[in-house]
C-alpha atoms as a PDB file:
ATOM      1  CA  MET A   1     -19.116  49.893  11.037  1.00  0.00           C
ATOM      2  CA  ASN A   2     -20.087  51.691   7.864  1.00  0.00           C
ATOM      3  CA  GLN A   3     -18.900  55.187   7.002  1.00  0.00           C
ATOM      4  CA  GLU A   4     -22.230  56.889   7.753  1.00  0.00           C
ATOM      5  CA  MET A   5     -22.488  55.352  11.244  1.00  0.00           C
ATOM      6  CA  GLU A   6     -18.871  56.229  12.006  1.00  0.00           C
ATOM      7  CA  PHE A   7     -19.566  59.795  10.834  1.00  0.00           C
ATOM      8  CA  LYS A   8     -22.697  60.075  13.008  1.00  0.00           C
ATOM      9  CA  ASN A   9     -20.841  58.683  16.019  1.00  0.00           C
ATOM     10  CA  ILE A  10     -18.292  61.480  15.626  1.00  0.00           C
ATOM     11  CA  VAL A  11     -21.108  64.046  15.322  1.00  0.00           C
ATOM     12  CA  ALA A  12     -22.698  62.650  18.496  1.00  0.00           C
ATOM     13  CA  GLN A  13     -19.548  63.450  20.469  1.00  0.00           C
ATOM     14  CA  TYR A  14     -20.233  67.159  19.885  1.00  0.00           C
ATOM     15  CA  SER A  15     -24.015  67.040  20.184  1.00  0.00           C
ATOM     16  CA  LYS A  16     -26.704  66.122  22.696  1.00  0.00           C
ATOM     17  CA  VAL A  17     -28.468  64.093  19.971  1.00  0.00           C
ATOM     18  CA  ALA A  18     -27.747  60.354  19.858  1.00  0.00           C
ATOM     19  CA  SER A  19     -26.353  59.060  16.572  1.00  0.00           C
ATOM     20  CA  GLU A  20     -29.363  56.773  16.010  1.00  0.00           C
ATOM     21  CA  GLU A  21     -31.718  59.770  16.280  1.00  0.00           C
ATOM     22  CA  MET A  22     -29.911  61.798  13.610  1.00  0.00           C
ATOM     23  CA  ASN A  23     -31.193  62.321  10.078  1.00  0.00           C
ATOM     24  CA  ASN A  24     -29.535  63.885   7.053  1.00  0.00           C
ATOM     25  CA  GLU A  25     -31.700  67.029   7.191  1.00  0.00           C
ATOM     26  CA  MET A  26     -30.440  67.996  10.654  1.00  0.00           C
ATOM     27  CA  ARG A  27     -28.444  71.230  10.737  1.00  0.00           C
ATOM     28  CA  PHE A  28     -25.222  71.369  12.726  1.00  0.00           C
ATOM     29  CA  ARG A  29     -25.845  74.675  14.482  1.00  0.00           C
ATOM     30  CA  GLU A  30     -29.633  74.842  14.832  1.00  0.00           C
ATOM     31  CA  ASP A  31     -30.578  71.184  15.374  1.00  0.00           C
ATOM     32  CA  LEU A  32     -27.429  69.682  16.863  1.00  0.00           C
ATOM     33  CA  GLY A  33     -26.252  72.706  18.872  1.00  0.00           C
ATOM     34  CA  PHE A  34     -22.751  72.936  17.398  1.00  0.00           C
ATOM     35  CA  SER A  35     -20.737  76.054  18.193  1.00  0.00           C
ATOM     36  CA  SER A  36     -18.125  77.325  15.739  1.00  0.00           C
ATOM     37  CA  LEU A  37     -15.419  75.721  17.871  1.00  0.00           C
ATOM     38  CA  ASP A  38     -17.329  72.412  17.962  1.00  0.00           C
ATOM     39  CA  PHE A  39     -17.597  72.456  14.174  1.00  0.00           C
ATOM     40  CA  MET A  40     -13.886  73.115  13.666  1.00  0.00           C
ATOM     41  CA  SER A  41     -12.920  70.392  16.170  1.00  0.00           C
ATOM     42  CA  PHE A  42     -15.351  68.031  14.459  1.00  0.00           C
ATOM     43  CA  LEU A  43     -13.759  68.745  11.059  1.00  0.00           C
ATOM     44  CA  GLY A  44     -10.310  67.987  12.424  1.00  0.00           C
ATOM     45  CA  GLU A  45     -11.551  64.685  13.793  1.00  0.00           C
ATOM     46  CA  LEU A  46     -13.137  63.833  10.424  1.00  0.00           C
ATOM     47  CA  GLU A  47      -9.836  64.503   8.660  1.00  0.00           C
ATOM     48  CA  ASP A  48      -7.993  62.230  11.093  1.00  0.00           C
ATOM     49  CA  THR A  49     -10.582  59.439  11.112  1.00  0.00           C
ATOM     50  CA  PHE A  50     -11.126  59.250   7.354  1.00  0.00           C
ATOM     51  CA  ASP A  51      -7.571  60.272   6.370  1.00  0.00           C
ATOM     52  CA  LEU A  52      -8.528  63.182   4.130  1.00  0.00           C
ATOM     53  CA  GLU A  53      -7.962  66.899   3.794  1.00  0.00           C
ATOM     54  CA  LEU A  54     -10.978  69.180   3.734  1.00  0.00           C
ATOM     55  CA  ASP A  55     -11.083  72.376   1.679  1.00  0.00           C
ATOM     56  CA  GLU A  56     -12.144  75.183   4.019  1.00  0.00           C
ATOM     57  CA  SER A  57     -14.111  77.013   1.314  1.00  0.00           C
ATOM     58  CA  GLU A  58     -16.185  73.868   0.647  1.00  0.00           C
ATOM     59  CA  VAL A  59     -16.651  73.057   4.318  1.00  0.00           C
ATOM     60  CA  LEU A  60     -17.995  76.503   5.168  1.00  0.00           C
ATOM     61  CA  LYS A  61     -20.940  75.901   2.799  1.00  0.00           C
ATOM     62  CA  ILE A  62     -22.065  72.826   4.756  1.00  0.00           C
ATOM     63  CA  THR A  63     -25.081  73.232   7.023  1.00  0.00           C
ATOM     64  CA  THR A  64     -26.649  69.748   7.241  1.00  0.00           C
ATOM     65  CA  LEU A  65     -25.486  66.221   8.007  1.00  0.00           C
ATOM     66  CA  GLY A  66     -26.478  65.136   4.499  1.00  0.00           C
ATOM     67  CA  GLU A  67     -24.292  67.809   2.883  1.00  0.00           C
ATOM     68  CA  ALA A  68     -21.344  66.746   5.042  1.00  0.00           C
ATOM     69  CA  LEU A  69     -21.866  63.080   4.202  1.00  0.00           C
ATOM     70  CA  ASN A  70     -22.019  63.878   0.475  1.00  0.00           C
ATOM     71  CA  LEU A  71     -18.743  65.794   0.674  1.00  0.00           C
ATOM     72  CA  LEU A  72     -17.165  62.943   2.623  1.00  0.00           C
ATOM     73  CA  GLU A  73     -18.243  60.442  -0.034  1.00  0.00           C
ATOM     74  CA  GLU A  74     -16.881  62.670  -2.826  1.00  0.00           C
ATOM     75  CA  LEU A  75     -13.487  62.879  -1.128  1.00  0.00           C
ATOM     76  CA  GLN A  76     -13.140  59.128  -0.493  1.00  0.00           C
END
């Protein structure tokens, strides 16, 4: 499984949108229905899955799936 699909599968655990229906312009809160708690839990799962440490100041700027994927790629 490639990194983007693995990422979207994690997102799908917190959303009512199936991973195959997601696009990079979707916003976590507005389009995917994430609460603040969902987002923080999601970030923790990303850190564990991809073995990285996220900078909170950078993460708080993220609003779309594409922005999150770009950050993930930069950190890998």
